[in-house]
PDB file of N, CA and C in Angstrom:
ATOM      1  N   MET A   1     -25.047 -26.394 -10.198  1.00  0.00           N
ATOM      2  CA  MET A   1     -24.140 -25.272 -10.505  1.00  0.00           C
ATOM      3  C   MET A   1     -23.140 -25.068  -9.451  1.00  0.00           C
ATOM      4  N   ILE A   2     -21.869 -24.900  -9.851  1.00  0.00           N
ATOM      5  CA  ILE A   2     -20.807 -24.830  -8.862  1.00  0.00           C
ATOM      6  C   ILE A   2     -20.581 -23.240  -8.662  1.00  0.00           C
ATOM      7  N   PRO A   3     -20.399 -22.789  -7.460  1.00  0.00           N
ATOM      8  CA  PRO A   3     -20.101 -21.346  -7.254  1.00  0.00           C
ATOM      9  C   PRO A   3     -18.738 -21.007  -7.878  1.00  0.00           C
ATOM     10  N   ARG A   4     -18.709 -19.814  -8.425  1.00  0.00           N
ATOM     11  CA  ARG A   4     -17.482 -19.384  -9.115  1.00  0.00           C
ATOM     12  C   ARG A   4     -16.805 -18.258  -8.229  1.00  0.00           C
ATOM     13  N   GLN A   5     -15.566 -18.557  -7.964  1.00  0.00           N
ATOM     14  CA  GLN A   5     -14.786 -17.481  -7.082  1.00  0.00           C
ATOM     15  C   GLN A   5     -14.378 -16.429  -8.111  1.00  0.00           C
ATOM     16  N   ILE A   6     -14.767 -15.139  -7.762  1.00  0.00           N
ATOM     17  CA  ILE A   6     -14.309 -14.079  -8.633  1.00  0.00           C
ATOM     18  C   ILE A   6     -13.111 -13.435  -8.178  1.00  0.00           C
ATOM     19  N   GLU A   7     -12.876 -13.324  -6.866  1.00  0.00           N
ATOM     20  CA  GLU A   7     -11.673 -12.444  -6.486  1.00  0.00           C
ATOM     21  C   GLU A   7     -11.366 -12.681  -5.066  1.00  0.00           C
ATOM     22  N   MET A   8     -10.145 -12.948  -4.839  1.00  0.00           N
ATOM     23  CA  MET A   8      -9.601 -12.970  -3.468  1.00  0.00           C
ATOM     24  C   MET A   8      -8.286 -12.190  -3.344  1.00  0.00           C
ATOM     25  N   ARG A   9      -8.293 -11.211  -2.606  1.00  0.00           N
ATOM     26  CA  ARG A   9      -7.145 -10.333  -2.510  1.00  0.00           C
ATOM     27  C   ARG A   9      -6.763  -9.921  -1.061  1.00  0.00           C
ATOM     28  N   GLU A  10      -5.444 -10.247  -0.703  1.00  0.00           N
ATOM     29  CA  GLU A  10      -5.065  -9.884   0.617  1.00  0.00           C
ATOM     30  C   GLU A  10      -4.679  -8.377   0.506  1.00  0.00           C
ATOM     31  N   LEU A  11      -5.025  -7.736   1.586  1.00  0.00           N
ATOM     32  CA  LEU A  11      -4.666  -6.233   1.696  1.00  0.00           C
ATOM     33  C   LEU A  11      -3.618  -6.048   2.664  1.00  0.00           C
ATOM     34  N   VAL A  12      -2.955  -7.208   3.171  1.00  0.00           N
ATOM     35  CA  VAL A  12      -1.942  -7.031   4.197  1.00  0.00           C
ATOM     36  C   VAL A  12      -0.595  -6.849   3.459  1.00  0.00           C
ATOM     37  N   PRO A  13       0.270  -6.217   4.091  1.00  0.00           N
ATOM     38  CA  PRO A  13       1.558  -6.048   3.472  1.00  0.00           C
ATOM     39  C   PRO A  13       2.321  -7.381   3.089  1.00  0.00           C
ATOM     40  N   GLN A  14       2.961  -7.302   2.054  1.00  0.00           N
ATOM     41  CA  GLN A  14       3.599  -8.541   1.472  1.00  0.00           C
ATOM     42  C   GLN A  14       5.000  -8.734   2.071  1.00  0.00           C
ATOM     43  N   ASN A  15       5.626  -7.771   2.660  1.00  0.00           N
ATOM     44  CA  ASN A  15       6.888  -7.916   3.369  1.00  0.00           C
ATOM     45  C   ASN A  15       7.166  -6.983   4.292  1.00  0.00           C
ATOM     46  N   GLU A  16       8.350  -6.976   5.043  1.00  0.00           N
ATOM     47  CA  GLU A  16       8.709  -6.036   6.074  1.00  0.00           C
ATOM     48  C   GLU A  16       8.771  -4.605   5.646  1.00  0.00           C
ATOM     49  N   THR A  17       9.357  -4.388   4.400  1.00  0.00           N
ATOM     50  CA  THR A  17       9.361  -3.028   3.884  1.00  0.00           C
ATOM     51  C   THR A  17       8.091  -2.422   3.683  1.00  0.00           C
ATOM     52  N   GLU A  18       7.142  -3.124   3.087  1.00  0.00           N
ATOM     53  CA  GLU A  18       5.852  -2.577   2.969  1.00  0.00           C
ATOM     54  C   GLU A  18       5.158  -2.274   4.199  1.00  0.00           C
ATOM     55  N   SER A  19       5.318  -3.148   5.224  1.00  0.00           N
ATOM     56  CA  SER A  19       4.790  -3.035   6.519  1.00  0.00           C
ATOM     57  C   SER A  19       5.324  -1.807   7.121  1.00  0.00           C
ATOM     58  N   LEU A  20       6.577  -1.530   7.038  1.00  0.00           N
ATOM     59  CA  LEU A  20       7.257  -0.342   7.520  1.00  0.00           C
ATOM     60  C   LEU A  20       6.757   0.944   7.000  1.00  0.00           C
ATOM     61  N   ILE A  21       6.653   0.932   5.680  1.00  0.00           N
ATOM     62  CA  ILE A  21       6.197   2.142   4.956  1.00  0.00           C
ATOM     63  C   ILE A  21       4.845   2.447   5.358  1.00  0.00           C
ATOM     64  N   LEU A  22       3.986   1.415   5.438  1.00  0.00           N
ATOM     65  CA  LEU A  22       2.617   1.694   5.805  1.00  0.00           C
ATOM     66  C   LEU A  22       2.264   2.308   7.100  1.00  0.00           C
ATOM     67  N   LYS A  23       3.293   2.069   8.039  1.00  0.00           N
ATOM     68  CA  LYS A  23       3.303   2.711   9.293  1.00  0.00           C
ATOM     69  C   LYS A  23       3.463   4.251   9.194  1.00  0.00           C
ATOM     70  N   HIS A  24       4.063   4.752   8.103  1.00  0.00           N
ATOM     71  CA  HIS A  24       4.351   6.172   7.947  1.00  0.00           C
ATOM     72  C   HIS A  24       3.383   6.892   6.961  1.00  0.00           C
ATOM     73  N   LEU A  25       2.320   6.212   6.618  1.00  0.00           N
ATOM     74  CA  LEU A  25       1.362   6.734   5.671  1.00  0.00           C
ATOM     75  C   LEU A  25      -0.003   6.836   6.303  1.00  0.00           C
ATOM     76  N   SER A  26      -0.837   7.694   5.887  1.00  0.00           N
ATOM     77  CA  SER A  26      -2.202   7.853   6.319  1.00  0.00           C
ATOM     78  C   SER A  26      -3.121   8.277   5.225  1.00  0.00           C
ATOM     79  N   TYR A  27      -4.331   8.703   5.608  1.00  0.00           N
ATOM     80  CA  TYR A  27      -5.216   9.164   4.591  1.00  0.00           C
ATOM     81  C   TYR A  27      -4.969  10.733   4.245  1.00  0.00           C
ATOM     82  N   GLU A  28      -3.960  11.214   4.848  1.00  0.00           N
ATOM     83  CA  GLU A  28      -3.464  12.657   4.480  1.00  0.00           C
ATOM     84  C   GLU A  28      -2.160  12.433   3.691  1.00  0.00           C
ATOM     85  N   PRO A  29      -2.150  13.230   2.536  1.00  0.00           N
ATOM     86  CA  PRO A  29      -0.784  13.062   1.740  1.00  0.00           C
ATOM     87  C   PRO A  29       0.413  13.252   2.513  1.00  0.00           C
ATOM     88  N   THR A  30       1.447  12.281   2.262  1.00  0.00           N
ATOM     89  CA  THR A  30       2.656  12.398   2.971  1.00  0.00           C
ATOM     90  C   THR A  30       3.728  12.249   1.799  1.00  0.00           C
ATOM     91  N   HIS A  31       4.685  13.196   1.897  1.00  0.00           N
ATOM     92  CA  HIS A  31       5.771  13.324   0.845  1.00  0.00           C
ATOM     93  C   HIS A  31       6.642  12.184   0.893  1.00  0.00           C
ATOM     94  N   ILE A  32       7.186  11.644  -0.108  1.00  0.00           N
ATOM     95  CA  ILE A  32       8.170  10.520  -0.154  1.00  0.00           C
ATOM     96  C   ILE A  32       9.353  10.768   0.724  1.00  0.00           C
ATOM     97  N   ASP A  33       9.802  11.996   0.691  1.00  0.00           N
ATOM     98  CA  ASP A  33      10.999  12.397   1.579  1.00  0.00           C
ATOM     99  C   ASP A  33      10.761  12.191   2.968  1.00  0.00           C
ATOM    100  N   LYS A  34       9.510  12.481   3.448  1.00  0.00           N
ATOM    101  CA  LYS A  34       9.179  12.360   4.875  1.00  0.00           C
ATOM    102  C   LYS A  34       9.122  10.809   5.173  1.00  0.00           C
ATOM    103  N   VAL A  35       8.646   9.993   4.321  1.00  0.00           N
ATOM    104  CA  VAL A  35       8.557   8.478   4.470  1.00  0.00           C
ATOM    105  C   VAL A  35      10.036   8.077   4.595  1.00  0.00           C
ATOM    106  N   CYS A  36      10.797   8.542   3.788  1.00  0.00           N
ATOM    107  CA  CYS A  36      12.267   8.046   3.780  1.00  0.00           C
ATOM    108  C   CYS A  36      12.861   8.376   5.244  1.00  0.00           C
ATOM    109  N   ARG A  37      12.732   9.707   5.732  1.00  0.00           N
ATOM    110  CA  ARG A  37      13.281  10.151   6.894  1.00  0.00           C
ATOM    111  C   ARG A  37      12.704   9.318   8.146  1.00  0.00           C
ATOM    112  N   SER A  38      11.453   9.249   8.040  1.00  0.00           N
ATOM    113  CA  SER A  38      10.777   8.598   9.259  1.00  0.00           C
ATOM    114  C   SER A  38      10.934   7.045   9.307  1.00  0.00           C
ATOM    115  N   SER A  39      11.124   6.372   8.060  1.00  0.00           N
ATOM    116  CA  SER A  39      11.398   4.972   8.101  1.00  0.00           C
ATOM    117  C   SER A  39      12.798   4.605   8.075  1.00  0.00           C
ATOM    118  N   CYS A  40      13.681   5.544   7.828  1.00  0.00           N
ATOM    119  CA  CYS A  40      15.172   5.236   7.759  1.00  0.00           C
ATOM    120  C   CYS A  40      15.543   4.384   6.636  1.00  0.00           C
ATOM    121  N   LEU A  41      14.696   4.371   5.654  1.00  0.00           N
ATOM    122  CA  LEU A  41      14.933   3.548   4.384  1.00  0.00           C
ATOM    123  C   LEU A  41      15.558   4.377   3.416  1.00  0.00           C
ATOM    124  N   PRO A  42      16.297   3.871   2.424  1.00  0.00           N
ATOM    125  CA  PRO A  42      16.859   4.686   1.220  1.00  0.00           C
ATOM    126  C   PRO A  42      15.826   5.123   0.383  1.00  0.00           C
ATOM    127  N   ILE A  43      15.961   6.077  -0.411  1.00  0.00           N
ATOM    128  CA  ILE A  43      14.956   6.652  -1.316  1.00  0.00           C
ATOM    129  C   ILE A  43      14.548   5.613  -2.471  1.00  0.00           C
ATOM    130  N   ALA A  44      15.577   4.927  -2.853  1.00  0.00           N
ATOM    131  CA  ALA A  44      15.345   3.915  -4.000  1.00  0.00           C
ATOM    132  C   ALA A  44      14.387   2.837  -3.501  1.00  0.00           C
ATOM    133  N   THR A  45      14.562   2.267  -2.156  1.00  0.00           N
ATOM    134  CA  THR A  45      13.765   1.307  -1.578  1.00  0.00           C
ATOM    135  C   THR A  45      12.308   1.806  -1.493  1.00  0.00           C
ATOM    136  N   VAL A  46      12.133   3.018  -0.858  1.00  0.00           N
ATOM    137  CA  VAL A  46      10.892   3.625  -0.564  1.00  0.00           C
ATOM    138  C   VAL A  46      10.232   3.831  -1.991  1.00  0.00           C
ATOM    139  N   SER A  47      10.861   4.394  -2.896  1.00  0.00           N
ATOM    140  CA  SER A  47      10.281   4.696  -4.211  1.00  0.00           C
ATOM    141  C   SER A  47       9.798   3.434  -4.922  1.00  0.00           C
ATOM    142  N   SER A  48      10.651   2.368  -5.055  1.00  0.00           N
ATOM    143  CA  SER A  48      10.272   1.133  -5.694  1.00  0.00           C
ATOM    144  C   SER A  48       9.116   0.376  -4.949  1.00  0.00           C
ATOM    145  N   THR A  49       9.243   0.465  -3.582  1.00  0.00           N
ATOM    146  CA  THR A  49       8.116  -0.178  -2.877  1.00  0.00           C
ATOM    147  C   THR A  49       6.840   0.514  -2.928  1.00  0.00           C
ATOM    148  N   LEU A  50       6.773   1.886  -2.978  1.00  0.00           N
ATOM    149  CA  LEU A  50       5.549   2.591  -3.141  1.00  0.00           C
ATOM    150  C   LEU A  50       4.999   2.287  -4.448  1.00  0.00           C
ATOM    151  N   ALA A  51       5.848   2.250  -5.521  1.00  0.00           N
ATOM    152  CA  ALA A  51       5.459   2.007  -6.886  1.00  0.00           C
ATOM    153  C   ALA A  51       4.670   0.668  -6.960  1.00  0.00           C
ATOM    154  N   MET A  52       5.216  -0.403  -6.313  1.00  0.00           N
ATOM    155  CA  MET A  52       4.658  -1.739  -6.314  1.00  0.00           C
ATOM    156  C   MET A  52       3.269  -1.582  -5.523  1.00  0.00           C
ATOM    157  N   MET A  53       3.285  -1.024  -4.322  1.00  0.00           N
ATOM    158  CA  MET A  53       2.124  -0.789  -3.594  1.00  0.00           C
ATOM    159  C   MET A  53       0.960  -0.070  -4.180  1.00  0.00           C
ATOM    160  N   GLU A  54       1.371   0.939  -5.169  1.00  0.00           N
ATOM    161  CA  GLU A  54       0.503   1.625  -5.971  1.00  0.00           C
ATOM    162  C   GLU A  54      -0.217   0.777  -6.993  1.00  0.00           C
ATOM    163  N   LEU A  55       0.588  -0.170  -7.617  1.00  0.00           N
ATOM    164  CA  LEU A  55       0.087  -1.110  -8.644  1.00  0.00           C
ATOM    165  C   LEU A  55      -0.799  -2.139  -7.893  1.00  0.00           C
ATOM    166  N   LYS A  56      -0.632  -2.521  -6.662  1.00  0.00           N
ATOM    167  CA  LYS A  56      -1.534  -3.307  -5.976  1.00  0.00           C
ATOM    168  C   LYS A  56      -2.741  -2.649  -5.426  1.00  0.00           C
ATOM    169  N   GLY A  57      -2.850  -1.320  -5.483  1.00  0.00           N
ATOM    170  CA  GLY A  57      -4.027  -0.597  -5.070  1.00  0.00           C
ATOM    171  C   GLY A  57      -3.926  -0.265  -3.579  1.00  0.00           C
ATOM    172  N   ILE A  58      -2.778  -0.318  -2.936  1.00  0.00           N
ATOM    173  CA  ILE A  58      -2.735  -0.161  -1.523  1.00  0.00           C
ATOM    174  C   ILE A  58      -2.525   1.234  -1.150  1.00  0.00           C
ATOM    175  N   VAL A  59      -1.749   1.950  -1.979  1.00  0.00           N
ATOM    176  CA  VAL A  59      -1.461   3.387  -1.848  1.00  0.00           C
ATOM    177  C   VAL A  59      -1.864   4.113  -3.188  1.00  0.00           C
ATOM    178  N   ARG A  60      -1.923   5.507  -3.152  1.00  0.00           N
ATOM    179  CA  ARG A  60      -2.146   6.237  -4.200  1.00  0.00           C
ATOM    180  C   ARG A  60      -1.229   7.404  -4.169  1.00  0.00           C
ATOM    181  N   GLN A  61      -0.725   7.848  -5.362  1.00  0.00           N
ATOM    182  CA  GLN A  61       0.139   9.036  -5.422  1.00  0.00           C
ATOM    183  C   GLN A  61      -0.822  10.103  -5.720  1.00  0.00           C
ATOM    184  N   MET A  62      -0.648  11.255  -4.967  1.00  0.00           N
ATOM    185  CA  MET A  62      -1.575  12.412  -5.167  1.00  0.00           C
ATOM    186  C   MET A  62      -0.941  13.516  -5.956  1.00  0.00           C
ATOM    187  N   GLY A  63       0.174  13.202  -6.504  1.00  0.00           N
ATOM    188  CA  GLY A  63       0.940  14.372  -7.252  1.00  0.00           C
ATOM    189  C   GLY A  63       1.976  14.814  -6.378  1.00  0.00           C
ATOM    190  N   GLY A  64       3.037  15.380  -7.028  1.00  0.00           N
ATOM    191  CA  GLY A  64       4.152  15.913  -6.239  1.00  0.00           C
ATOM    192  C   GLY A  64       4.790  14.977  -5.373  1.00  0.00           C
ATOM    193  N   MET A  65       4.794  13.655  -5.678  1.00  0.00           N
ATOM    194  CA  MET A  65       5.371  12.628  -4.838  1.00  0.00           C
ATOM    195  C   MET A  65       4.860  12.463  -3.346  1.00  0.00           C
ATOM    196  N   ASN A  66       3.525  12.879  -3.292  1.00  0.00           N
ATOM    197  CA  ASN A  66       2.718  12.742  -2.064  1.00  0.00           C
ATOM    198  C   ASN A  66       1.866  11.429  -2.186  1.00  0.00           C
ATOM    199  N   TYR A  67       1.891  10.718  -1.059  1.00  0.00           N
ATOM    200  CA  TYR A  67       1.166   9.439  -1.117  1.00  0.00           C
ATOM    201  C   TYR A  67       0.219   9.357  -0.004  1.00  0.00           C
ATOM    202  N   ILE A  68      -1.015   8.570  -0.264  1.00  0.00           N
ATOM    203  CA  ILE A  68      -1.938   8.385   0.759  1.00  0.00           C
ATOM    204  C   ILE A  68      -2.339   6.867   0.682  1.00  0.00           C
ATOM    205  N   LEU A  69      -2.922   6.337   1.788  1.00  0.00           N
ATOM    206  CA  LEU A  69      -3.443   5.022   1.861  1.00  0.00           C
ATOM    207  C   LEU A  69      -4.712   5.081   0.961  1.00  0.00           C
ATOM    208  N   SER A  70      -4.977   4.000   0.188  1.00  0.00           N
ATOM    209  CA  SER A  70      -6.185   3.949  -0.611  1.00  0.00           C
ATOM    210  C   SER A  70      -7.186   2.783  -0.051  1.00  0.00           C
ATOM    211  N   ARG A  71      -6.887   2.191   0.941  1.00  0.00           N
ATOM    212  CA  ARG A  71      -7.763   1.195   1.504  1.00  0.00           C
ATOM    213  C   ARG A  71      -7.872   1.306   2.921  1.00  0.00           C
ATOM    214  N   GLU A  72      -9.068   1.171   3.463  1.00  0.00           N
ATOM    215  CA  GLU A  72      -9.286   1.265   4.828  1.00  0.00           C
ATOM    216  C   GLU A  72      -8.985  -0.006   5.539  1.00  0.00           C
ATOM    217  N   ALA A  73      -9.366  -1.166   4.879  1.00  0.00           N
ATOM    218  CA  ALA A  73      -9.146  -2.457   5.553  1.00  0.00           C
ATOM    219  C   ALA A  73      -7.852  -3.060   5.148  1.00  0.00           C
ATOM    220  N   ARG A  74      -6.798  -2.364   5.497  1.00  0.00           N
ATOM    221  CA  ARG A  74      -5.528  -2.918   4.905  1.00  0.00           C
ATOM    222  C   ARG A  74      -4.938  -4.104   5.738  1.00  0.00           C
ATOM    223  N   ASN A  75      -5.633  -4.335   6.939  1.00  0.00           N
ATOM    224  CA  ASN A  75      -5.158  -5.569   7.698  1.00  0.00           C
ATOM    225  C   ASN A  75      -6.216  -6.762   7.630  1.00  0.00           C
ATOM    226  N   SER A  76      -7.082  -6.688   6.673  1.00  0.00           N
ATOM    227  CA  SER A  76      -8.137  -7.767   6.474  1.00  0.00           C
ATOM    228  C   SER A  76      -7.934  -8.283   4.988  1.00  0.00           C
ATOM    229  N   TYR A  77      -8.907  -9.180   4.796  1.00  0.00           N
ATOM    230  CA  TYR A  77      -8.961  -9.619   3.387  1.00  0.00           C
ATOM    231  C   TYR A  77     -10.345  -9.593   2.955  1.00  0.00           C
ATOM    232  N   ARG A  78     -10.650  -9.645   1.594  1.00  0.00           N
ATOM    233  CA  ARG A  78     -11.998  -9.684   1.101  1.00  0.00           C
ATOM    234  C   ARG A  78     -12.125 -10.883   0.047  1.00  0.00           C
ATOM    235  N   VAL A  79     -13.180 -11.614   0.190  1.00  0.00           N
ATOM    236  CA  VAL A  79     -13.340 -12.738  -0.740  1.00  0.00           C
ATOM    237  C   VAL A  79     -14.739 -12.420  -1.416  1.00  0.00           C
ATOM    238  N   GLY A  80     -14.785 -12.408  -2.704  1.00  0.00           N
ATOM    239  CA  GLY A  80     -15.977 -12.326  -3.512  1.00  0.00           C
ATOM    240  C   GLY A  80     -16.304 -13.600  -4.179  1.00  0.00           C
ATOM    241  N   ALA A  81     -17.514 -14.022  -4.177  1.00  0.00           N
ATOM    242  CA  ALA A  81     -17.987 -15.200  -4.898  1.00  0.00           C
ATOM    243  C   ALA A  81     -19.200 -14.923  -5.566  1.00  0.00           C
ATOM    244  N   ASN A  82     -19.364 -15.697  -6.674  1.00  0.00           N
ATOM    245  CA  ASN A  82     -20.651 -15.469  -7.459  1.00  0.00           C
ATOM    246  C   ASN A  82     -21.470 -16.594  -7.396  1.00  0.00           C
TER     247      ASN A  82
END
């Protein structure tokens, strides 16, 4: 019987923009406007990047355009095998 790999997902940022945005988020809700101001990125960039990061499960929107980190091990990876 050959082991079957179920999942391998990197939790590290995919690009510099994601990395920069992650530096301005925590486990406490942070408003998108604050992320824009502190990162010096345009709202369109922050908004689209946060949307992609939310789809990947890296961040979560808590309502009212407030975001939190959704993973503790964001600088590591996980491999699951069956």
